[in-house]
């Protein structure tokens, strides 16, 4: 089984709140794939947003964060 995103070994016992491992790429197109862009986006989120437990609260915080960055 191949996973698109993998967690760092230090965060395997905890919920998905730590950094994700970014796969190395050879081409420019590979750098734009979900397996690379997804973990990069997740790793750039503030820790307080990554620590939110509910989906609805996460969506609200993510929307507020994305509007404040633009």
PDB file of N, CA and C in Angstrom:
ATOM      1  N   UNK A   1       0.838  -1.178   0.000  1.00  0.00           N
ATOM      2  CA  UNK A   1       0.000   0.000   0.000  1.00  0.00           C
ATOM      3  C   UNK A   1       0.886   1.244   0.000  1.00  0.00           C
ATOM      4  N   UNK A   2       0.617   2.186  -0.869  1.00  0.00           N
ATOM      5  CA  UNK A   2       1.370   3.425  -0.966  1.00  0.00           C
ATOM      6  C   UNK A   2       0.553   4.561  -0.359  1.00  0.00           C
ATOM      7  N   UNK A   3       1.178   5.333   0.520  1.00  0.00           N
ATOM      8  CA  UNK A   3       0.517   6.473   1.135  1.00  0.00           C
ATOM      9  C   UNK A   3       0.978   7.753   0.448  1.00  0.00           C
ATOM     10  N   UNK A   4       0.052   8.686   0.265  1.00  0.00           N
ATOM     11  CA  UNK A   4       0.422   9.956  -0.347  1.00  0.00           C
ATOM     12  C   UNK A   4       1.145  10.866   0.630  1.00  0.00           C
ATOM     13  N   UNK A   5       0.780  10.793   1.915  1.00  0.00           N
ATOM     14  CA  UNK A   5       1.412  11.614   2.937  1.00  0.00           C
ATOM     15  C   UNK A   5       1.850  10.712   4.077  1.00  0.00           C
ATOM     16  N   UNK A   6       3.028  10.938   4.611  1.00  0.00           N
ATOM     17  CA  UNK A   6       3.494  10.175   5.747  1.00  0.00           C
ATOM     18  C   UNK A   6       3.920  11.124   6.856  1.00  0.00           C
ATOM     19  N   UNK A   7       3.759  10.655   8.090  1.00  0.00           N
ATOM     20  CA  UNK A   7       4.139  11.468   9.234  1.00  0.00           C
ATOM     21  C   UNK A   7       5.575  11.168   9.634  1.00  0.00           C
ATOM     22  N   UNK A   8       6.190  12.128  10.280  1.00  0.00           N
ATOM     23  CA  UNK A   8       7.526  11.915  10.815  1.00  0.00           C
ATOM     24  C   UNK A   8       7.455  10.850  11.901  1.00  0.00           C
ATOM     25  N   UNK A   9       8.505  10.072  12.076  1.00  0.00           N
ATOM     26  CA  UNK A   9       8.498   8.982  13.042  1.00  0.00           C
ATOM     27  C   UNK A   9       8.189   9.435  14.455  1.00  0.00           C
ATOM     28  N   UNK A  10       8.576  10.633  14.829  1.00  0.00           N
ATOM     29  CA  UNK A  10       8.355  11.113  16.188  1.00  0.00           C
ATOM     30  C   UNK A  10       6.887  11.403  16.477  1.00  0.00           C
ATOM     31  N   UNK A  11       6.034  11.494  15.451  1.00  0.00           N
ATOM     32  CA  UNK A  11       4.638  11.853  15.675  1.00  0.00           C
ATOM     33  C   UNK A  11       3.682  10.703  15.396  1.00  0.00           C
ATOM     34  N   UNK A  12       4.184   9.477  15.227  1.00  0.00           N
ATOM     35  CA  UNK A  12       3.314   8.364  14.882  1.00  0.00           C
ATOM     36  C   UNK A  12       2.327   8.010  15.987  1.00  0.00           C
ATOM     37  N   UNK A  13       2.682   8.207  17.243  1.00  0.00           N
ATOM     38  CA  UNK A  13       1.804   7.830  18.345  1.00  0.00           C
ATOM     39  C   UNK A  13       0.761   8.905  18.654  1.00  0.00           C
ATOM     40  N   UNK A  14       0.893  10.069  18.083  1.00  0.00           N
ATOM     41  CA  UNK A  14      -0.029  11.172  18.364  1.00  0.00           C
ATOM     42  C   UNK A  14      -0.950  11.399  17.177  1.00  0.00           C
ATOM     43  N   UNK A  15      -2.068  12.089  17.391  1.00  0.00           N
ATOM     44  CA  UNK A  15      -2.930  12.434  16.252  1.00  0.00           C
ATOM     45  C   UNK A  15      -2.180  13.302  15.244  1.00  0.00           C
ATOM     46  N   UNK A  16      -2.769  13.493  14.088  1.00  0.00           N
ATOM     47  CA  UNK A  16      -2.121  14.234  13.002  1.00  0.00           C
ATOM     48  C   UNK A  16      -2.006  15.709  13.371  1.00  0.00           C
ATOM     49  N   UNK A  17      -0.978  16.048  14.114  1.00  0.00           N
ATOM     50  CA  UNK A  17      -0.744  17.429  14.511  1.00  0.00           C
ATOM     51  C   UNK A  17       0.678  17.859  14.240  1.00  0.00           C
ATOM     52  N   UNK A  18       1.567  16.924  14.044  1.00  0.00           N
ATOM     53  CA  UNK A  18       2.965  17.245  13.805  1.00  0.00           C
ATOM     54  C   UNK A  18       3.222  17.509  12.335  1.00  0.00           C
ATOM     55  N   UNK A  19       4.489  17.599  12.010  1.00  0.00           N
ATOM     56  CA  UNK A  19       4.882  17.839  10.624  1.00  0.00           C
ATOM     57  C   UNK A  19       4.770  16.570   9.797  1.00  0.00           C
ATOM     58  N   UNK A  20       4.466  16.738   8.534  1.00  0.00           N
ATOM     59  CA  UNK A  20       4.430  15.630   7.592  1.00  0.00           C
ATOM     60  C   UNK A  20       5.747  15.589   6.830  1.00  0.00           C
ATOM     61  N   UNK A  21       6.116  14.414   6.381  1.00  0.00           N
ATOM     62  CA  UNK A  21       7.341  14.243   5.613  1.00  0.00           C
ATOM     63  C   UNK A  21       7.057  14.646   4.168  1.00  0.00           C
ATOM     64  N   UNK A  22       7.895  15.508   3.606  1.00  0.00           N
ATOM     65  CA  UNK A  22       7.745  15.952   2.225  1.00  0.00           C
ATOM     66  C   UNK A  22       8.621  15.076   1.346  1.00  0.00           C
ATOM     67  N   UNK A  23       7.992  14.403   0.386  1.00  0.00           N
ATOM     68  CA  UNK A  23       8.724  13.504  -0.507  1.00  0.00           C
ATOM     69  C   UNK A  23       9.661  14.290  -1.419  1.00  0.00           C
ATOM     70  N   UNK A  24      10.869  13.791  -1.637  1.00  0.00           N
ATOM     71  CA  UNK A  24      11.774  14.464  -2.576  1.00  0.00           C
ATOM     72  C   UNK A  24      11.285  14.289  -4.014  1.00  0.00           C
ATOM     73  N   UNK A  25      11.532  15.280  -4.841  1.00  0.00           N
ATOM     74  CA  UNK A  25      11.100  15.213  -6.241  1.00  0.00           C
ATOM     75  C   UNK A  25      12.280  15.459  -7.162  1.00  0.00           C
ATOM     76  N   UNK A  26      12.111  15.019  -8.395  1.00  0.00           N
ATOM     77  CA  UNK A  26      13.154  15.203  -9.401  1.00  0.00           C
ATOM     78  C   UNK A  26      12.739  16.282 -10.399  1.00  0.00           C
ATOM     79  N   UNK A  27      11.447  16.351 -10.711  1.00  0.00           N
ATOM     80  CA  UNK A  27      10.975  17.296 -11.720  1.00  0.00           C
ATOM     81  C   UNK A  27      10.144  18.403 -11.099  1.00  0.00           C
ATOM     82  N   UNK A  28       9.919  19.452 -11.862  1.00  0.00           N
ATOM     83  CA  UNK A  28       9.064  20.556 -11.436  1.00  0.00           C
ATOM     84  C   UNK A  28       7.622  20.081 -11.272  1.00  0.00           C
ATOM     85  N   UNK A  29       7.186  19.181 -12.131  1.00  0.00           N
ATOM     86  CA  UNK A  29       5.817  18.679 -12.048  1.00  0.00           C
ATOM     87  C   UNK A  29       5.611  17.852 -10.786  1.00  0.00           C
ATOM     88  N   UNK A  30       6.630  17.120 -10.365  1.00  0.00           N
ATOM     89  CA  UNK A  30       6.541  16.334  -9.137  1.00  0.00           C
ATOM     90  C   UNK A  30       6.400  17.214  -7.913  1.00  0.00           C
ATOM     91  N   UNK A  31       7.003  18.393  -7.940  1.00  0.00           N
ATOM     92  CA  UNK A  31       6.905  19.319  -6.813  1.00  0.00           C
ATOM     93  C   UNK A  31       5.507  19.892  -6.654  1.00  0.00           C
ATOM     94  N   UNK A  32       4.710  19.844  -7.719  1.00  0.00           N
ATOM     95  CA  UNK A  32       3.345  20.367  -7.662  1.00  0.00           C
ATOM     96  C   UNK A  32       2.326  19.274  -7.362  1.00  0.00           C
ATOM     97  N   UNK A  33       2.763  18.043  -7.155  1.00  0.00           N
ATOM     98  CA  UNK A  33       1.839  16.942  -6.898  1.00  0.00           C
ATOM     99  C   UNK A  33       1.288  17.046  -5.476  1.00  0.00           C
ATOM    100  N   UNK A  34       0.177  16.339  -5.229  1.00  0.00           N
ATOM    101  CA  UNK A  34      -0.436  16.364  -3.905  1.00  0.00           C
ATOM    102  C   UNK A  34       0.501  15.806  -2.847  1.00  0.00           C
ATOM    103  N   UNK A  35       1.271  14.786  -3.193  1.00  0.00           N
ATOM    104  CA  UNK A  35       2.170  14.144  -2.235  1.00  0.00           C
ATOM    105  C   UNK A  35       3.242  15.102  -1.719  1.00  0.00           C
ATOM    106  N   UNK A  36       3.507  16.178  -2.448  1.00  0.00           N
ATOM    107  CA  UNK A  36       4.488  17.172  -2.022  1.00  0.00           C
ATOM    108  C   UNK A  36       3.797  18.449  -1.547  1.00  0.00           C
ATOM    109  N   UNK A  37       2.842  18.949  -2.312  1.00  0.00           N
ATOM    110  CA  UNK A  37       2.176  20.213  -1.976  1.00  0.00           C
ATOM    111  C   UNK A  37       1.324  20.103  -0.713  1.00  0.00           C
ATOM    112  N   UNK A  38       0.666  18.963  -0.518  1.00  0.00           N
ATOM    113  CA  UNK A  38      -0.178  18.776   0.667  1.00  0.00           C
ATOM    114  C   UNK A  38       0.609  18.865   1.964  1.00  0.00           C
ATOM    115  N   UNK A  39       1.657  18.054   2.128  1.00  0.00           N
ATOM    116  CA  UNK A  39       2.458  18.147   3.352  1.00  0.00           C
ATOM    117  C   UNK A  39       3.116  19.512   3.556  1.00  0.00           C
ATOM    118  N   UNK A  40       3.542  20.155   2.461  1.00  0.00           N
ATOM    119  CA  UNK A  40       4.137  21.494   2.602  1.00  0.00           C
ATOM    120  C   UNK A  40       3.113  22.481   3.148  1.00  0.00           C
ATOM    121  N   UNK A  41       1.892  22.430   2.631  1.00  0.00           N
ATOM    122  CA  UNK A  41       0.837  23.334   3.107  1.00  0.00           C
ATOM    123  C   UNK A  41       0.518  23.050   4.569  1.00  0.00           C
ATOM    124  N   UNK A  42       0.420  21.767   4.940  1.00  0.00           N
ATOM    125  CA  UNK A  42       0.124  21.390   6.323  1.00  0.00           C
ATOM    126  C   UNK A  42       1.241  21.872   7.259  1.00  0.00           C
ATOM    127  N   UNK A  43       2.488  21.693   6.863  1.00  0.00           N
ATOM    128  CA  UNK A  43       3.616  22.083   7.706  1.00  0.00           C
ATOM    129  C   UNK A  43       3.704  23.593   7.894  1.00  0.00           C
ATOM    130  N   UNK A  44       3.140  24.380   6.971  1.00  0.00           N
ATOM    131  CA  UNK A  44       3.190  25.835   7.086  1.00  0.00           C
ATOM    132  C   UNK A  44       2.054  26.405   7.922  1.00  0.00           C
ATOM    133  N   UNK A  45       1.071  25.580   8.279  1.00  0.00           N
ATOM    134  CA  UNK A  45      -0.013  26.066   9.135  1.00  0.00           C
ATOM    135  C   UNK A  45       0.504  26.296  10.553  1.00  0.00           C
ATOM    136  N   UNK A  46      -0.033  27.302  11.245  1.00  0.00           N
ATOM    137  CA  UNK A  46       0.358  27.510  12.643  1.00  0.00           C
ATOM    138  C   UNK A  46      -0.041  26.299  13.496  1.00  0.00           C
ATOM    139  N   UNK A  47       0.714  26.043  14.551  1.00  0.00           N
ATOM    140  CA  UNK A  47       0.478  24.884  15.418  1.00  0.00           C
ATOM    141  C   UNK A  47      -0.900  24.927  16.075  1.00  0.00           C
ATOM    142  N   UNK A  48      -1.393  26.117  16.394  1.00  0.00           N
ATOM    143  CA  UNK A  48      -2.707  26.181  17.047  1.00  0.00           C
ATOM    144  C   UNK A  48      -3.827  25.731  16.104  1.00  0.00           C
ATOM    145  N   UNK A  49      -3.692  25.961  14.811  1.00  0.00           N
ATOM    146  CA  UNK A  49      -4.695  25.485  13.859  1.00  0.00           C
ATOM    147  C   UNK A  49      -4.572  23.972  13.681  1.00  0.00           C
ATOM    148  N   UNK A  50      -3.355  23.460  13.621  1.00  0.00           N
ATOM    149  CA  UNK A  50      -3.163  22.011  13.472  1.00  0.00           C
ATOM    150  C   UNK A  50      -3.650  21.244  14.694  1.00  0.00           C
ATOM    151  N   UNK A  51      -3.729  21.886  15.856  1.00  0.00           N
ATOM    152  CA  UNK A  51      -4.118  21.214  17.098  1.00  0.00           C
ATOM    153  C   UNK A  51      -5.628  21.165  17.304  1.00  0.00           C
ATOM    154  N   UNK A  52      -6.415  21.770  16.447  1.00  0.00           N
ATOM    155  CA  UNK A  52      -7.875  21.792  16.606  1.00  0.00           C
ATOM    156  C   UNK A  52      -8.425  20.388  16.401  1.00  0.00           C
ATOM    157  N   UNK A  53      -9.370  19.995  17.277  1.00  0.00           N
ATOM    158  CA  UNK A  53      -9.890  18.626  17.283  1.00  0.00           C
ATOM    159  C   UNK A  53     -11.097  18.399  16.385  1.00  0.00           C
ATOM    160  N   UNK A  54     -11.934  19.389  16.183  1.00  0.00           N
ATOM    161  CA  UNK A  54     -13.147  19.167  15.404  1.00  0.00           C
ATOM    162  C   UNK A  54     -12.998  19.719  13.987  1.00  0.00           C
ATOM    163  N   UNK A  55     -13.674  19.074  13.055  1.00  0.00           N
ATOM    164  CA  UNK A  55     -13.587  19.470  11.651  1.00  0.00           C
ATOM    165  C   UNK A  55     -14.179  20.855  11.440  1.00  0.00           C
ATOM    166  N   UNK A  56     -15.326  21.123  12.055  1.00  0.00           N
ATOM    167  CA  UNK A  56     -15.969  22.426  11.844  1.00  0.00           C
ATOM    168  C   UNK A  56     -15.111  23.564  12.392  1.00  0.00           C
ATOM    169  N   UNK A  57     -14.508  23.372  13.552  1.00  0.00           N
ATOM    170  CA  UNK A  57     -13.633  24.409  14.116  1.00  0.00           C
ATOM    171  C   UNK A  57     -12.382  24.578  13.260  1.00  0.00           C
ATOM    172  N   UNK A  58     -11.850  23.452  12.732  1.00  0.00           N
ATOM    173  CA  UNK A  58     -10.672  23.519  11.862  1.00  0.00           C
ATOM    174  C   UNK A  58     -10.983  24.301  10.596  1.00  0.00           C
ATOM    175  N   UNK A  59     -12.150  24.033   9.982  1.00  0.00           N
ATOM    176  CA  UNK A  59     -12.540  24.757   8.769  1.00  0.00           C
ATOM    177  C   UNK A  59     -12.651  26.252   9.027  1.00  0.00           C
ATOM    178  N   UNK A  60     -13.274  26.608  10.143  1.00  0.00           N
ATOM    179  CA  UNK A  60     -13.442  28.026  10.487  1.00  0.00           C
ATOM    180  C   UNK A  60     -12.085  28.693  10.685  1.00  0.00           C
ATOM    181  N   UNK A  61     -11.207  28.041  11.448  1.00  0.00           N
ATOM    182  CA  UNK A  61      -9.876  28.611  11.698  1.00  0.00           C
ATOM    183  C   UNK A  61      -9.063  28.705  10.420  1.00  0.00           C
ATOM    184  N   UNK A  62      -9.180  27.687   9.568  1.00  0.00           N
ATOM    185  CA  UNK A  62      -8.440  27.688   8.308  1.00  0.00           C
ATOM    186  C   UNK A  62      -8.917  28.807   7.385  1.00  0.00           C
ATOM    187  N   UNK A  63     -10.222  29.015   7.337  1.00  0.00           N
ATOM    188  CA  UNK A  63     -10.761  30.092   6.491  1.00  0.00           C
ATOM    189  C   UNK A  63     -10.310  31.458   7.032  1.00  0.00           C
ATOM    190  N   UNK A  64     -10.371  31.640   8.337  1.00  0.00           N
ATOM    191  CA  UNK A  64      -9.928  32.896   8.936  1.00  0.00           C
ATOM    192  C   UNK A  64      -8.439  33.120   8.680  1.00  0.00           C
ATOM    193  N   UNK A  65      -7.634  32.059   8.806  1.00  0.00           N
ATOM    194  CA  UNK A  65      -6.200  32.168   8.567  1.00  0.00           C
ATOM    195  C   UNK A  65      -5.904  32.488   7.093  1.00  0.00           C
ATOM    196  N   UNK A  66      -6.596  31.828   6.177  1.00  0.00           N
ATOM    197  CA  UNK A  66      -6.334  32.065   4.766  1.00  0.00           C
ATOM    198  C   UNK A  66      -6.763  33.467   4.334  1.00  0.00           C
ATOM    199  N   UNK A  67      -7.804  33.995   4.946  1.00  0.00           N
ATOM    200  CA  UNK A  67      -8.224  35.363   4.616  1.00  0.00           C
ATOM    201  C   UNK A  67      -7.260  36.400   5.185  1.00  0.00           C
ATOM    202  N   UNK A  68      -6.653  36.092   6.331  1.00  0.00           N
ATOM    203  CA  UNK A  68      -5.727  37.051   6.921  1.00  0.00           C
ATOM    204  C   UNK A  68      -4.362  37.039   6.232  1.00  0.00           C
ATOM    205  N   UNK A  69      -4.024  35.954   5.537  1.00  0.00           N
ATOM    206  CA  UNK A  69      -2.738  35.853   4.847  1.00  0.00           C
ATOM    207  C   UNK A  69      -2.777  36.597   3.520  1.00  0.00           C
ATOM    208  N   UNK A  70      -3.906  36.594   2.852  1.00  0.00           N
ATOM    209  CA  UNK A  70      -4.019  37.239   1.525  1.00  0.00           C
ATOM    210  C   UNK A  70      -3.808  38.697   1.560  1.00  0.00           C
TER     211      UNK A  70
END
